[in-house]
Amino acid sequence: MKKADMKAYRERLLLLRSRLRGDVNQLADAALKKNGGEGNGNLSSMPIHMADIGSDNFEQEFTLTLMQSEEETLEAIESALERIEDGTYGLCEECNVKIPKARLNALPYATLCVRCAEQLERR
């Protein structure tokens, strides 16, 4: 891959990493924020109705699941940045062929070519 292409992918990955870190921080704040509380005049953080408790638990679990997914994406981005540094970015980790630019444009932290990714999904 050309140096100019590597630089462009590196910049995209850094921008994506920055955005995701902000998203994860916001999700963490939302997950840890107590519902109710002093902001709305209610000094108790306990919901009044059982359905409210269920809704609150669902929202918190959903937020934590999103956080986990974004953390995994951040790890993949870090790995892609390391591959750029060591010169292996853009090569399939399974078969060692070049990953098409169209795939890298869609998923700049991809580690597998389309064929190997499809084979992995079938397993």
C-alpha atoms as a PDB file:
ATOM      1  CA  MET A   1       0.000   0.000   0.000  1.00  0.00           C
ATOM      2  CA  LYS A   2       1.224   3.488  -0.811  1.00  0.00           C
ATOM      3  CA  LYS A   3       2.387   5.798   1.964  1.00  0.00           C
ATOM      4  CA  ALA A   4      -0.277   8.360   1.068  1.00  0.00           C
ATOM      5  CA  ASP A   5      -2.980   5.691   1.408  1.00  0.00           C
ATOM      6  CA  MET A   6      -1.553   4.547   4.743  1.00  0.00           C
ATOM      7  CA  LYS A   7      -1.541   8.132   5.985  1.00  0.00           C
ATOM      8  CA  ALA A   8      -5.163   8.621   4.936  1.00  0.00           C
ATOM      9  CA  TYR A   9      -6.269   5.410   6.675  1.00  0.00           C
ATOM     10  CA  ARG A  10      -4.277   6.347   9.773  1.00  0.00           C
ATOM     11  CA  GLU A  11      -6.031   9.721   9.924  1.00  0.00           C
ATOM     12  CA  ARG A  12      -9.447   8.078   9.484  1.00  0.00           C
ATOM     13  CA  LEU A  13      -8.669   5.588  12.253  1.00  0.00           C
ATOM     14  CA  LEU A  14      -7.494   8.340  14.609  1.00  0.00           C
ATOM     15  CA  LEU A  15     -10.644  10.364  13.932  1.00  0.00           C
ATOM     16  CA  LEU A  16     -12.856   7.322  14.467  1.00  0.00           C
ATOM     17  CA  ARG A  17     -10.996   6.441  17.675  1.00  0.00           C
ATOM     18  CA  SER A  18     -11.460   9.960  18.994  1.00  0.00           C
ATOM     19  CA  ARG A  19     -15.180   9.934  18.220  1.00  0.00           C
ATOM     20  CA  LEU A  20     -15.722   6.513  19.780  1.00  0.00           C
ATOM     21  CA  ARG A  21     -13.849   7.465  22.935  1.00  0.00           C
ATOM     22  CA  GLY A  22     -16.220  10.401  23.336  1.00  0.00           C
ATOM     23  CA  ASP A  23     -19.206   8.114  22.730  1.00  0.00           C
ATOM     24  CA  VAL A  24     -17.968   5.594  25.288  1.00  0.00           C
ATOM     25  CA  ASN A  25     -17.478   8.337  27.857  1.00  0.00           C
ATOM     26  CA  GLN A  26     -21.008   9.623  27.260  1.00  0.00           C
ATOM     27  CA  LEU A  27     -22.439   6.111  27.499  1.00  0.00           C
ATOM     28  CA  ALA A  28     -20.548   5.504  30.739  1.00  0.00           C
ATOM     29  CA  ASP A  29     -21.957   8.711  32.183  1.00  0.00           C
ATOM     30  CA  ALA A  30     -25.474   7.694  31.124  1.00  0.00           C
ATOM     31  CA  ALA A  31     -25.116   4.172  32.533  1.00  0.00           C
ATOM     32  CA  LEU A  32     -23.812   5.403  35.858  1.00  0.00           C
ATOM     33  CA  LYS A  33     -26.214   8.312  36.169  1.00  0.00           C
ATOM     34  CA  LYS A  34     -28.891   7.673  38.728  1.00  0.00           C
ATOM     35  CA  ASN A  35     -32.442   8.019  37.509  1.00  0.00           C
ATOM     36  CA  GLY A  36     -34.633  10.479  39.334  1.00  0.00           C
ATOM     37  CA  GLY A  37     -32.639  12.274  41.973  1.00  0.00           C
ATOM     38  CA  GLU A  38     -32.299  15.902  42.829  1.00  0.00           C
ATOM     39  CA  GLY A  39     -32.443  17.205  39.252  1.00  0.00           C
ATOM     40  CA  ASN A  40     -36.187  16.660  38.989  1.00  0.00           C
ATOM     41  CA  GLY A  41     -37.042  17.434  42.604  1.00  0.00           C
ATOM     42  CA  ASN A  42     -37.180  13.807  43.697  1.00  0.00           C
ATOM     43  CA  LEU A  43     -34.633  13.155  46.418  1.00  0.00           C
ATOM     44  CA  SER A  44     -35.043   9.391  46.165  1.00  0.00           C
ATOM     45  CA  SER A  45     -33.293   7.505  43.384  1.00  0.00           C
ATOM     46  CA  MET A  46     -35.803   4.652  43.717  1.00  0.00           C
ATOM     47  CA  PRO A  47     -38.448   4.500  40.982  1.00  0.00           C
ATOM     48  CA  ILE A  48     -42.012   4.593  42.205  1.00  0.00           C
ATOM     49  CA  HIS A  49     -43.434   1.783  40.076  1.00  0.00           C
ATOM     50  CA  MET A  50     -42.133  -1.743  39.382  1.00  0.00           C
ATOM     51  CA  ALA A  51     -42.362  -1.113  35.619  1.00  0.00           C
ATOM     52  CA  ASP A  52     -40.040   1.864  36.081  1.00  0.00           C
ATOM     53  CA  ILE A  53     -37.493  -0.421  37.739  1.00  0.00           C
ATOM     54  CA  GLY A  54     -37.650  -2.810  34.776  1.00  0.00           C
ATOM     55  CA  SER A  55     -37.322   0.016  32.272  1.00  0.00           C
ATOM     56  CA  ASP A  56     -34.382   1.479  34.142  1.00  0.00           C
ATOM     57  CA  ASN A  57     -32.641  -1.909  34.260  1.00  0.00           C
ATOM     58  CA  PHE A  58     -33.255  -2.501  30.554  1.00  0.00           C
ATOM     59  CA  GLU A  59     -31.868   0.916  29.615  1.00  0.00           C
ATOM     60  CA  GLN A  60     -28.794   0.389  31.761  1.00  0.00           C
ATOM     61  CA  GLU A  61     -28.141  -3.088  30.310  1.00  0.00           C
ATOM     62  CA  PHE A  62     -28.616  -1.742  26.779  1.00  0.00           C
ATOM     63  CA  THR A  63     -26.181   1.095  27.426  1.00  0.00           C
ATOM     64  CA  LEU A  64     -23.610  -1.291  28.893  1.00  0.00           C
ATOM     65  CA  THR A  65     -23.931  -3.558  25.843  1.00  0.00           C
ATOM     66  CA  LEU A  66     -23.335  -0.570  23.537  1.00  0.00           C
ATOM     67  CA  MET A  67     -20.301   0.389  25.596  1.00  0.00           C
ATOM     68  CA  GLN A  68     -18.872  -3.121  25.294  1.00  0.00           C
ATOM     69  CA  SER A  69     -19.371  -3.102  21.531  1.00  0.00           C
ATOM     70  CA  GLU A  70     -17.687   0.277  21.164  1.00  0.00           C
ATOM     71  CA  GLU A  71     -14.810  -0.829  23.407  1.00  0.00           C
ATOM     72  CA  GLU A  72     -14.271  -3.828  21.113  1.00  0.00           C
ATOM     73  CA  THR A  73     -14.248  -1.502  18.105  1.00  0.00           C
ATOM     74  CA  LEU A  74     -11.705   0.732  19.865  1.00  0.00           C
ATOM     75  CA  GLU A  75      -9.474  -2.298  20.416  1.00  0.00           C
ATOM     76  CA  ALA A  76      -9.759  -3.168  16.714  1.00  0.00           C
ATOM     77  CA  ILE A  77      -8.819   0.416  15.813  1.00  0.00           C
ATOM     78  CA  GLU A  78      -5.771   0.293  18.103  1.00  0.00           C
ATOM     79  CA  SER A  79      -4.742  -2.974  16.459  1.00  0.00           C
ATOM     80  CA  ALA A  80      -5.143  -1.406  12.998  1.00  0.00           C
ATOM     81  CA  LEU A  81      -2.975   1.554  14.029  1.00  0.00           C
ATOM     82  CA  GLU A  82      -0.303  -0.894  15.219  1.00  0.00           C
ATOM     83  CA  ARG A  83      -0.482  -2.726  11.868  1.00  0.00           C
ATOM     84  CA  ILE A  84       0.062   0.604  10.096  1.00  0.00           C
ATOM     85  CA  GLU A  85       3.172   1.170  12.200  1.00  0.00           C
ATOM     86  CA  ASP A  86       4.608  -2.274  11.502  1.00  0.00           C
ATOM     87  CA  GLY A  87       3.690  -2.210   7.800  1.00  0.00           C
ATOM     88  CA  THR A  88       1.138  -5.052   7.794  1.00  0.00           C
ATOM     89  CA  TYR A  89      -1.988  -2.896   7.488  1.00  0.00           C
ATOM     90  CA  GLY A  90      -4.234  -3.883   4.621  1.00  0.00           C
ATOM     91  CA  LEU A  91      -3.152  -7.528   4.586  1.00  0.00           C
ATOM     92  CA  CYS A  92      -5.558 -10.296   5.550  1.00  0.00           C
ATOM     93  CA  GLU A  93      -4.444 -11.905   8.810  1.00  0.00           C
ATOM     94  CA  GLU A  94      -5.717 -15.287   7.612  1.00  0.00           C
ATOM     95  CA  CYS A  95      -4.498 -15.650   3.997  1.00  0.00           C
ATOM     96  CA  ASN A  96      -2.067 -12.684   3.784  1.00  0.00           C
ATOM     97  CA  VAL A  97      -3.587 -11.210   0.598  1.00  0.00           C
ATOM     98  CA  LYS A  98      -4.364  -7.519   0.201  1.00  0.00           C
ATOM     99  CA  ILE A  99      -7.687  -6.448   1.644  1.00  0.00           C
ATOM    100  CA  PRO A 100      -9.557  -4.508  -1.079  1.00  0.00           C
ATOM    101  CA  LYS A 101      -9.642  -0.737  -0.625  1.00  0.00           C
ATOM    102  CA  ALA A 102     -13.436  -0.796  -0.824  1.00  0.00           C
ATOM    103  CA  ARG A 103     -13.516  -2.992   2.297  1.00  0.00           C
ATOM    104  CA  LEU A 104     -10.977  -0.811   4.113  1.00  0.00           C
ATOM    105  CA  ASN A 105     -12.964   2.286   3.180  1.00  0.00           C
ATOM    106  CA  ALA A 106     -16.089   0.732   4.684  1.00  0.00           C
ATOM    107  CA  LEU A 107     -14.316  -0.840   7.676  1.00  0.00           C
ATOM    108  CA  PRO A 108     -10.868   0.718   8.134  1.00  0.00           C
ATOM    109  CA  TYR A 109     -10.019  -1.631  11.017  1.00  0.00           C
ATOM    110  CA  ALA A 110     -10.789  -4.812   9.018  1.00  0.00           C
ATOM    111  CA  THR A 111      -8.329  -7.640   9.633  1.00  0.00           C
ATOM    112  CA  LEU A 112      -9.703 -10.117   7.092  1.00  0.00           C
ATOM    113  CA  CYS A 113     -10.446 -10.054   3.391  1.00  0.00           C
ATOM    114  CA  VAL A 114     -14.072 -10.627   2.381  1.00  0.00           C
ATOM    115  CA  ARG A 115     -13.530 -14.302   1.553  1.00  0.00           C
ATOM    116  CA  CYS A 116     -11.906 -15.117   4.899  1.00  0.00           C
ATOM    117  CA  ALA A 117     -14.504 -13.065   6.811  1.00  0.00           C
ATOM    118  CA  GLU A 118     -17.298 -15.004   5.095  1.00  0.00           C
ATOM    119  CA  GLN A 119     -15.617 -18.316   5.938  1.00  0.00           C
ATOM    120  CA  LEU A 120     -15.275 -17.268   9.568  1.00  0.00           C
ATOM    121  CA  GLU A 121     -18.974 -16.352   9.752  1.00  0.00           C
ATOM    122  CA  ARG A 122     -19.977 -19.787   8.449  1.00  0.00           C
ATOM    123  CA  ARG A 123     -18.144 -21.582  11.272  1.00  0.00           C
END
